[in-house]
Amino acid sequence: MAQREYSNYQKDVISNYYRNLDAIMLGKLADTVSELYLADSQTKADKLWQKVHKAMINLKIPEAIINNIMQKKDIQILARNLQDWQSKSR
């Protein structure tokens, strides 16, 4: 398979994306927290918690924190931690 040639502009866009990937992922996690607040069924909430779990793993959150959040499945705790993570990423 031939390697693709990117223009300088495309290289800059790709580079910026990966440089800001943690902030992008934190933003998506924040959106998921909002969806959890609005979840109208347990099935939907369970799927969103699975999404939260994957996001925390991808963000390399310490396993002890992930386990604590996933055991309690408390949106308030998740939201407070997310706020801390966002403030540290700036």
PDB file of N, CA and C in Angstrom:
ATOM      1  N   MET A   1       0.847  -1.170   0.000  1.00  0.00           N
ATOM      2  CA  MET A   1       0.000   0.000   0.000  1.00  0.00           C
ATOM      3  C   MET A   1       0.900   1.243   0.000  1.00  0.00           C
ATOM      4  N   ALA A   2       0.606   2.162  -0.863  1.00  0.00           N
ATOM      5  CA  ALA A   2       1.424   3.361  -0.998  1.00  0.00           C
ATOM      6  C   ALA A   2       1.202   4.303   0.180  1.00  0.00           C
ATOM      7  N   GLN A   3       2.295   4.945   0.587  1.00  0.00           N
ATOM      8  CA  GLN A   3       2.188   5.903   1.678  1.00  0.00           C
ATOM      9  C   GLN A   3       1.631   7.203   1.133  1.00  0.00           C
ATOM     10  N   ARG A   4       0.803   7.839   1.932  1.00  0.00           N
ATOM     11  CA  ARG A   4       0.136   9.056   1.495  1.00  0.00           C
ATOM     12  C   ARG A   4       1.016  10.272   1.682  1.00  0.00           C
ATOM     13  N   GLU A   5       0.938  11.185   0.756  1.00  0.00           N
ATOM     14  CA  GLU A   5       1.639  12.456   0.852  1.00  0.00           C
ATOM     15  C   GLU A   5       0.669  13.492   1.403  1.00  0.00           C
ATOM     16  N   TYR A   6       1.064  14.185   2.452  1.00  0.00           N
ATOM     17  CA  TYR A   6       0.224  15.214   3.049  1.00  0.00           C
ATOM     18  C   TYR A   6       0.829  16.582   2.775  1.00  0.00           C
ATOM     19  N   SER A   7      -0.045  17.551   2.567  1.00  0.00           N
ATOM     20  CA  SER A   7       0.431  18.923   2.410  1.00  0.00           C
ATOM     21  C   SER A   7       0.892  19.447   3.767  1.00  0.00           C
ATOM     22  N   ASN A   8       1.607  20.550   3.776  1.00  0.00           N
ATOM     23  CA  ASN A   8       2.060  21.130   5.043  1.00  0.00           C
ATOM     24  C   ASN A   8       0.879  21.488   5.936  1.00  0.00           C
ATOM     25  N   TYR A   9      -0.186  21.999   5.342  1.00  0.00           N
ATOM     26  CA  TYR A   9      -1.387  22.344   6.111  1.00  0.00           C
ATOM     27  C   TYR A   9      -1.967  21.091   6.775  1.00  0.00           C
ATOM     28  N   GLN A  10      -2.082  20.009   6.009  1.00  0.00           N
ATOM     29  CA  GLN A  10      -2.621  18.768   6.557  1.00  0.00           C
ATOM     30  C   GLN A  10      -1.731  18.223   7.670  1.00  0.00           C
ATOM     31  N   LYS A  11      -0.421  18.334   7.492  1.00  0.00           N
ATOM     32  CA  LYS A  11       0.502  17.894   8.528  1.00  0.00           C
ATOM     33  C   LYS A  11       0.305  18.704   9.804  1.00  0.00           C
ATOM     34  N   ASP A  12       0.078  20.011   9.680  1.00  0.00           N
ATOM     35  CA  ASP A  12      -0.159  20.861  10.842  1.00  0.00           C
ATOM     36  C   ASP A  12      -1.450  20.482  11.556  1.00  0.00           C
ATOM     37  N   VAL A  13      -2.498  20.210  10.779  1.00  0.00           N
ATOM     38  CA  VAL A  13      -3.782  19.819  11.361  1.00  0.00           C
ATOM     39  C   VAL A  13      -3.641  18.505  12.121  1.00  0.00           C
ATOM     40  N   ILE A  14      -2.993  17.550  11.529  1.00  0.00           N
ATOM     41  CA  ILE A  14      -2.792  16.241  12.166  1.00  0.00           C
ATOM     42  C   ILE A  14      -1.952  16.403  13.432  1.00  0.00           C
ATOM     43  N   SER A  15      -0.908  17.186  13.338  1.00  0.00           N
ATOM     44  CA  SER A  15      -0.033  17.418  14.489  1.00  0.00           C
ATOM     45  C   SER A  15      -0.796  18.086  15.636  1.00  0.00           C
ATOM     46  N   ASN A  16      -1.596  19.092  15.319  1.00  0.00           N
ATOM     47  CA  ASN A  16      -2.387  19.786  16.343  1.00  0.00           C
ATOM     48  C   ASN A  16      -3.402  18.853  16.989  1.00  0.00           C
ATOM     49  N   TYR A  17      -3.999  17.980  16.190  1.00  0.00           N
ATOM     50  CA  TYR A  17      -4.968  17.022  16.721  1.00  0.00           C
ATOM     51  C   TYR A  17      -4.309  16.148  17.791  1.00  0.00           C
ATOM     52  N   TYR A  18      -3.174  15.564  17.457  1.00  0.00           N
ATOM     53  CA  TYR A  18      -2.516  14.670  18.409  1.00  0.00           C
ATOM     54  C   TYR A  18      -1.936  15.425  19.598  1.00  0.00           C
ATOM     55  N   ARG A  19      -1.536  16.662  19.398  1.00  0.00           N
ATOM     56  CA  ARG A  19      -1.020  17.474  20.503  1.00  0.00           C
ATOM     57  C   ARG A  19      -2.128  17.782  21.505  1.00  0.00           C
ATOM     58  N   ASN A  20      -3.348  17.915  21.020  1.00  0.00           N
ATOM     59  CA  ASN A  20      -4.488  18.273  21.871  1.00  0.00           C
ATOM     60  C   ASN A  20      -5.419  17.098  22.145  1.00  0.00           C
ATOM     61  N   LEU A  21      -4.962  15.894  21.909  1.00  0.00           N
ATOM     62  CA  LEU A  21      -5.821  14.713  22.032  1.00  0.00           C
ATOM     63  C   LEU A  21      -6.396  14.552  23.434  1.00  0.00           C
ATOM     64  N   ASP A  22      -5.589  14.798  24.476  1.00  0.00           N
ATOM     65  CA  ASP A  22      -6.102  14.663  25.840  1.00  0.00           C
ATOM     66  C   ASP A  22      -7.242  15.645  26.100  1.00  0.00           C
ATOM     67  N   ALA A  23      -7.086  16.883  25.653  1.00  0.00           N
ATOM     68  CA  ALA A  23      -8.140  17.883  25.841  1.00  0.00           C
ATOM     69  C   ALA A  23      -9.395  17.495  25.064  1.00  0.00           C
ATOM     70  N   ILE A  24      -9.212  16.959  23.880  1.00  0.00           N
ATOM     71  CA  ILE A  24     -10.353  16.512  23.070  1.00  0.00           C
ATOM     72  C   ILE A  24     -11.083  15.371  23.785  1.00  0.00           C
ATOM     73  N   MET A  25     -10.312  14.418  24.303  1.00  0.00           N
ATOM     74  CA  MET A  25     -10.912  13.275  24.999  1.00  0.00           C
ATOM     75  C   MET A  25     -11.627  13.715  26.273  1.00  0.00           C
ATOM     76  N   LEU A  26     -11.054  14.686  26.994  1.00  0.00           N
ATOM     77  CA  LEU A  26     -11.712  15.202  28.195  1.00  0.00           C
ATOM     78  C   LEU A  26     -13.021  15.895  27.834  1.00  0.00           C
ATOM     79  N   GLY A  27     -13.036  16.592  26.716  1.00  0.00           N
ATOM     80  CA  GLY A  27     -14.263  17.234  26.262  1.00  0.00           C
ATOM     81  C   GLY A  27     -15.345  16.216  25.929  1.00  0.00           C
ATOM     82  N   LYS A  28     -14.946  15.139  25.271  1.00  0.00           N
ATOM     83  CA  LYS A  28     -15.907  14.080  24.950  1.00  0.00           C
ATOM     84  C   LYS A  28     -16.415  13.401  26.226  1.00  0.00           C
ATOM     85  N   LEU A  29     -15.521  13.239  27.204  1.00  0.00           N
ATOM     86  CA  LEU A  29     -15.930  12.651  28.483  1.00  0.00           C
ATOM     87  C   LEU A  29     -16.925  13.572  29.186  1.00  0.00           C
ATOM     88  N   ALA A  30     -16.708  14.876  29.103  1.00  0.00           N
ATOM     89  CA  ALA A  30     -17.647  15.835  29.692  1.00  0.00           C
ATOM     90  C   ALA A  30     -19.012  15.726  29.026  1.00  0.00           C
ATOM     91  N   ASP A  31     -19.024  15.542  27.711  1.00  0.00           N
ATOM     92  CA  ASP A  31     -20.295  15.354  27.002  1.00  0.00           C
ATOM     93  C   ASP A  31     -21.001  14.087  27.482  1.00  0.00           C
ATOM     94  N   THR A  32     -20.227  13.044  27.724  1.00  0.00           N
ATOM     95  CA  THR A  32     -20.798  11.785  28.199  1.00  0.00           C
ATOM     96  C   THR A  32     -21.384  11.947  29.598  1.00  0.00           C
ATOM     97  N   VAL A  33     -20.727  12.743  30.447  1.00  0.00           N
ATOM     98  CA  VAL A  33     -21.259  13.012  31.783  1.00  0.00           C
ATOM     99  C   VAL A  33     -22.613  13.705  31.666  1.00  0.00           C
ATOM    100  N   SER A  34     -22.711  14.653  30.748  1.00  0.00           N
ATOM    101  CA  SER A  34     -23.996  15.331  30.527  1.00  0.00           C
ATOM    102  C   SER A  34     -25.064  14.345  30.074  1.00  0.00           C
ATOM    103  N   GLU A  35     -24.680  13.445  29.182  1.00  0.00           N
ATOM    104  CA  GLU A  35     -25.630  12.435  28.713  1.00  0.00           C
ATOM    105  C   GLU A  35     -26.067  11.524  29.866  1.00  0.00           C
ATOM    106  N   LEU A  36     -25.141  11.219  30.774  1.00  0.00           N
ATOM    107  CA  LEU A  36     -25.484  10.382  31.927  1.00  0.00           C
ATOM    108  C   LEU A  36     -26.534  11.060  32.805  1.00  0.00           C
ATOM    109  N   TYR A  37     -26.402  12.366  33.016  1.00  0.00           N
ATOM    110  CA  TYR A  37     -27.393  13.095  33.804  1.00  0.00           C
ATOM    111  C   TYR A  37     -28.779  12.983  33.173  1.00  0.00           C
ATOM    112  N   LEU A  38     -28.800  12.936  31.848  1.00  0.00           N
ATOM    113  CA  LEU A  38     -30.072  12.938  31.132  1.00  0.00           C
ATOM    114  C   LEU A  38     -30.568  11.553  30.744  1.00  0.00           C
ATOM    115  N   ALA A  39     -29.799  10.519  31.062  1.00  0.00           N
ATOM    116  CA  ALA A  39     -30.179   9.154  30.671  1.00  0.00           C
ATOM    117  C   ALA A  39     -31.541   8.801  31.257  1.00  0.00           C
ATOM    118  N   ASP A  40     -32.414   8.312  30.393  1.00  0.00           N
ATOM    119  CA  ASP A  40     -33.784   8.017  30.816  1.00  0.00           C
ATOM    120  C   ASP A  40     -34.033   6.533  31.075  1.00  0.00           C
ATOM    121  N   SER A  41     -33.029   5.700  30.839  1.00  0.00           N
ATOM    122  CA  SER A  41     -33.195   4.276  31.138  1.00  0.00           C
ATOM    123  C   SER A  41     -31.885   3.717  31.681  1.00  0.00           C
ATOM    124  N   GLN A  42     -32.008   2.645  32.413  1.00  0.00           N
ATOM    125  CA  GLN A  42     -30.826   2.004  32.990  1.00  0.00           C
ATOM    126  C   GLN A  42     -29.935   1.427  31.903  1.00  0.00           C
ATOM    127  N   THR A  43     -30.520   0.921  30.841  1.00  0.00           N
ATOM    128  CA  THR A  43     -29.747   0.354  29.737  1.00  0.00           C
ATOM    129  C   THR A  43     -28.868   1.421  29.104  1.00  0.00           C
ATOM    130  N   LYS A  44     -29.451   2.585  28.861  1.00  0.00           N
ATOM    131  CA  LYS A  44     -28.691   3.684  28.279  1.00  0.00           C
ATOM    132  C   LYS A  44     -27.585   4.134  29.235  1.00  0.00           C
ATOM    133  N   ALA A  45     -27.890   4.223  30.510  1.00  0.00           N
ATOM    134  CA  ALA A  45     -26.897   4.621  31.507  1.00  0.00           C
ATOM    135  C   ALA A  45     -25.746   3.612  31.558  1.00  0.00           C
ATOM    136  N   ASP A  46     -26.059   2.331  31.491  1.00  0.00           N
ATOM    137  CA  ASP A  46     -25.021   1.298  31.513  1.00  0.00           C
ATOM    138  C   ASP A  46     -24.072   1.436  30.321  1.00  0.00           C
ATOM    139  N   LYS A  47     -24.626   1.702  29.141  1.00  0.00           N
ATOM    140  CA  LYS A  47     -23.798   1.893  27.946  1.00  0.00           C
ATOM    141  C   LYS A  47     -22.906   3.120  28.103  1.00  0.00           C
ATOM    142  N   LEU A  48     -23.458   4.175  28.678  1.00  0.00           N
ATOM    143  CA  LEU A  48     -22.670   5.393  28.880  1.00  0.00           C
ATOM    144  C   LEU A  48     -21.564   5.172  29.908  1.00  0.00           C
ATOM    145  N   TRP A  49     -21.834   4.381  30.951  1.00  0.00           N
ATOM    146  CA  TRP A  49     -20.794   4.078  31.937  1.00  0.00           C
ATOM    147  C   TRP A  49     -19.675   3.263  31.297  1.00  0.00           C
ATOM    148  N   GLN A  50     -20.016   2.371  30.362  1.00  0.00           N
ATOM    149  CA  GLN A  50     -18.980   1.620  29.643  1.00  0.00           C
ATOM    150  C   GLN A  50     -18.110   2.572  28.825  1.00  0.00           C
ATOM    151  N   LYS A  51     -18.757   3.552  28.213  1.00  0.00           N
ATOM    152  CA  LYS A  51     -18.043   4.564  27.439  1.00  0.00           C
ATOM    153  C   LYS A  51     -17.118   5.386  28.347  1.00  0.00           C
ATOM    154  N   VAL A  52     -17.600   5.737  29.528  1.00  0.00           N
ATOM    155  CA  VAL A  52     -16.800   6.473  30.513  1.00  0.00           C
ATOM    156  C   VAL A  52     -15.581   5.640  30.904  1.00  0.00           C
ATOM    157  N   HIS A  53     -15.793   4.360  31.147  1.00  0.00           N
ATOM    158  CA  HIS A  53     -14.705   3.464  31.549  1.00  0.00           C
ATOM    159  C   HIS A  53     -13.613   3.436  30.477  1.00  0.00           C
ATOM    160  N   LYS A  54     -13.992   3.260  29.223  1.00  0.00           N
ATOM    161  CA  LYS A  54     -13.020   3.229  28.130  1.00  0.00           C
ATOM    162  C   LYS A  54     -12.275   4.553  28.025  1.00  0.00           C
ATOM    163  N   ALA A  55     -13.000   5.649  28.191  1.00  0.00           N
ATOM    164  CA  ALA A  55     -12.378   6.972  28.090  1.00  0.00           C
ATOM    165  C   ALA A  55     -11.340   7.169  29.189  1.00  0.00           C
ATOM    166  N   MET A  56     -11.663   6.747  30.400  1.00  0.00           N
ATOM    167  CA  MET A  56     -10.714   6.905  31.508  1.00  0.00           C
ATOM    168  C   MET A  56      -9.458   6.061  31.278  1.00  0.00           C
ATOM    169  N   ILE A  57      -9.631   4.876  30.720  1.00  0.00           N
ATOM    170  CA  ILE A  57      -8.471   4.030  30.407  1.00  0.00           C
ATOM    171  C   ILE A  57      -7.605   4.716  29.353  1.00  0.00           C
ATOM    172  N   ASN A  58      -8.241   5.248  28.311  1.00  0.00           N
ATOM    173  CA  ASN A  58      -7.497   5.923  27.248  1.00  0.00           C
ATOM    174  C   ASN A  58      -6.792   7.176  27.745  1.00  0.00           C
ATOM    175  N   LEU A  59      -7.358   7.822  28.752  1.00  0.00           N
ATOM    176  CA  LEU A  59      -6.741   9.012  29.333  1.00  0.00           C
ATOM    177  C   LEU A  59      -5.654   8.665  30.350  1.00  0.00           C
ATOM    178  N   LYS A  60      -5.458   7.366  30.573  1.00  0.00           N
ATOM    179  CA  LYS A  60      -4.448   6.869  31.522  1.00  0.00           C
ATOM    180  C   LYS A  60      -4.683   7.374  32.946  1.00  0.00           C
ATOM    181  N   ILE A  61      -5.947   7.356  33.343  1.00  0.00           N
ATOM    182  CA  ILE A  61      -6.316   7.685  34.720  1.00  0.00           C
ATOM    183  C   ILE A  61      -5.854   6.512  35.591  1.00  0.00           C
ATOM    184  N   PRO A  62      -5.309   6.777  36.783  1.00  0.00           N
ATOM    185  CA  PRO A  62      -4.861   5.667  37.646  1.00  0.00           C
ATOM    186  C   PRO A  62      -5.985   4.646  37.892  1.00  0.00           C
ATOM    187  N   GLU A  63      -5.605   3.391  37.882  1.00  0.00           N
ATOM    188  CA  GLU A  63      -6.563   2.290  37.989  1.00  0.00           C
ATOM    189  C   GLU A  63      -7.406   2.368  39.265  1.00  0.00           C
ATOM    190  N   ALA A  64      -6.807   2.803  40.358  1.00  0.00           N
ATOM    191  CA  ALA A  64      -7.548   2.899  41.624  1.00  0.00           C
ATOM    192  C   ALA A  64      -8.698   3.902  41.507  1.00  0.00           C
ATOM    193  N   ILE A  65      -8.460   5.002  40.814  1.00  0.00           N
ATOM    194  CA  ILE A  65      -9.509   6.014  40.631  1.00  0.00           C
ATOM    195  C   ILE A  65     -10.595   5.471  39.712  1.00  0.00           C
ATOM    196  N   ILE A  66     -10.176   4.813  38.639  1.00  0.00           N
ATOM    197  CA  ILE A  66     -11.154   4.223  37.710  1.00  0.00           C
ATOM    198  C   ILE A  66     -12.039   3.224  38.453  1.00  0.00           C
ATOM    199  N   ASN A  67     -11.414   2.342  39.225  1.00  0.00           N
ATOM    200  CA  ASN A  67     -12.178   1.324  39.949  1.00  0.00           C
ATOM    201  C   ASN A  67     -13.153   1.954  40.936  1.00  0.00           C
ATOM    202  N   ASN A  68     -12.713   2.988  41.645  1.00  0.00           N
ATOM    203  CA  ASN A  68     -13.575   3.666  42.610  1.00  0.00           C
ATOM    204  C   ASN A  68     -14.795   4.285  41.909  1.00  0.00           C
ATOM    205  N   ILE A  69     -14.547   4.973  40.807  1.00  0.00           N
ATOM    206  CA  ILE A  69     -15.644   5.609  40.078  1.00  0.00           C
ATOM    207  C   ILE A  69     -16.598   4.555  39.517  1.00  0.00           C
ATOM    208  N   MET A  70     -16.048   3.494  38.959  1.00  0.00           N
ATOM    209  CA  MET A  70     -16.893   2.473  38.339  1.00  0.00           C
ATOM    210  C   MET A  70     -17.661   1.651  39.376  1.00  0.00           C
ATOM    211  N   GLN A  71     -17.112   1.475  40.563  1.00  0.00           N
ATOM    212  CA  GLN A  71     -17.839   0.748  41.605  1.00  0.00           C
ATOM    213  C   GLN A  71     -19.039   1.549  42.094  1.00  0.00           C
ATOM    214  N   LYS A  72     -18.808   2.838  42.305  1.00  0.00           N
ATOM    215  CA  LYS A  72     -19.873   3.682  42.847  1.00  0.00           C
ATOM    216  C   LYS A  72     -20.853   4.149  41.780  1.00  0.00           C
ATOM    217  N   LYS A  73     -20.354   4.333  40.552  1.00  0.00           N
ATOM    218  CA  LYS A  73     -21.169   4.860  39.449  1.00  0.00           C
ATOM    219  C   LYS A  73     -21.984   6.072  39.899  1.00  0.00           C
ATOM    220  N   ASP A  74     -21.268   6.980  40.536  1.00  0.00           N
ATOM    221  CA  ASP A  74     -21.865   8.223  41.025  1.00  0.00           C
ATOM    222  C   ASP A  74     -21.446   9.347  40.078  1.00  0.00           C
ATOM    223  N   ILE A  75     -22.410   9.956  39.435  1.00  0.00           N
ATOM    224  CA  ILE A  75     -22.125  11.007  38.455  1.00  0.00           C
ATOM    225  C   ILE A  75     -21.448  12.199  39.121  1.00  0.00           C
ATOM    226  N   GLN A  76     -21.810  12.494  40.363  1.00  0.00           N
ATOM    227  CA  GLN A  76     -21.210  13.618  41.081  1.00  0.00           C
ATOM    228  C   GLN A  76     -19.699  13.412  41.254  1.00  0.00           C
ATOM    229  N   ILE A  77     -19.314  12.218  41.633  1.00  0.00           N
ATOM    230  CA  ILE A  77     -17.893  11.910  41.824  1.00  0.00           C
ATOM    231  C   ILE A  77     -17.160  12.009  40.482  1.00  0.00           C
ATOM    232  N   LEU A  78     -17.758  11.453  39.457  1.00  0.00           N
ATOM    233  CA  LEU A  78     -17.155  11.511  38.126  1.00  0.00           C
ATOM    234  C   LEU A  78     -16.993  12.961  37.679  1.00  0.00           C
ATOM    235  N   ALA A  79     -18.011  13.765  37.878  1.00  0.00           N
ATOM    236  CA  ALA A  79     -17.969  15.166  37.443  1.00  0.00           C
ATOM    237  C   ALA A  79     -16.891  15.944  38.199  1.00  0.00           C
ATOM    238  N   ARG A  80     -16.748  15.706  39.503  1.00  0.00           N
ATOM    239  CA  ARG A  80     -15.706  16.397  40.277  1.00  0.00           C
ATOM    240  C   ARG A  80     -14.312  15.993  39.797  1.00  0.00           C
ATOM    241  N   ASN A  81     -14.113  14.699  39.560  1.00  0.00           N
ATOM    242  CA  ASN A  81     -12.819  14.238  39.051  1.00  0.00           C
ATOM    243  C   ASN A  81     -12.537  14.815  37.669  1.00  0.00           C
ATOM    244  N   LEU A  82     -13.543  14.831  36.829  1.00  0.00           N
ATOM    245  CA  LEU A  82     -13.387  15.379  35.489  1.00  0.00           C
ATOM    246  C   LEU A  82     -12.974  16.849  35.557  1.00  0.00           C
ATOM    247  N   GLN A  83     -13.568  17.580  36.455  1.00  0.00           N
ATOM    248  CA  GLN A  83     -13.220  18.986  36.640  1.00  0.00           C
ATOM    249  C   GLN A  83     -11.740  19.121  37.026  1.00  0.00           C
ATOM    250  N   ASP A  84     -11.276  18.262  37.919  1.00  0.00           N
ATOM    251  CA  ASP A  84      -9.859  18.263  38.308  1.00  0.00           C
ATOM    252  C   ASP A  84      -8.956  17.930  37.131  1.00  0.00           C
ATOM    253  N   TRP A  85      -9.330  16.913  36.359  1.00  0.00           N
ATOM    254  CA  TRP A  85      -8.519  16.506  35.224  1.00  0.00           C
ATOM    255  C   TRP A  85      -8.440  17.619  34.181  1.00  0.00           C
ATOM    256  N   GLN A  86      -9.565  18.300  33.959  1.00  0.00           N
ATOM    257  CA  GLN A  86      -9.571  19.386  32.978  1.00  0.00           C
ATOM    258  C   GLN A  86      -8.702  20.555  33.451  1.00  0.00           C
ATOM    259  N   SER A  87      -8.726  20.862  34.731  1.00  0.00           N
ATOM    260  CA  SER A  87      -7.923  21.969  35.227  1.00  0.00           C
ATOM    261  C   SER A  87      -6.424  21.628  35.154  1.00  0.00           C
ATOM    262  N   LYS A  88      -6.068  20.371  35.308  1.00  0.00           N
ATOM    263  CA  LYS A  88      -4.674  19.962  35.242  1.00  0.00           C
ATOM    264  C   LYS A  88      -4.156  19.903  33.804  1.00  0.00           C
ATOM    265  N   SER A  89      -5.045  19.722  32.847  1.00  0.00           N
ATOM    266  CA  SER A  89      -4.607  19.588  31.455  1.00  0.00           C
ATOM    267  C   SER A  89      -4.372  20.940  30.796  1.00  0.00           C
ATOM    268  N   ARG A  90      -4.754  22.006  31.446  1.00  0.00           N
ATOM    269  CA  ARG A  90      -4.577  23.343  30.837  1.00  0.00           C
ATOM    270  C   ARG A  90      -3.207  23.862  31.000  1.00  0.00           C
TER     271      ARG A  90
END
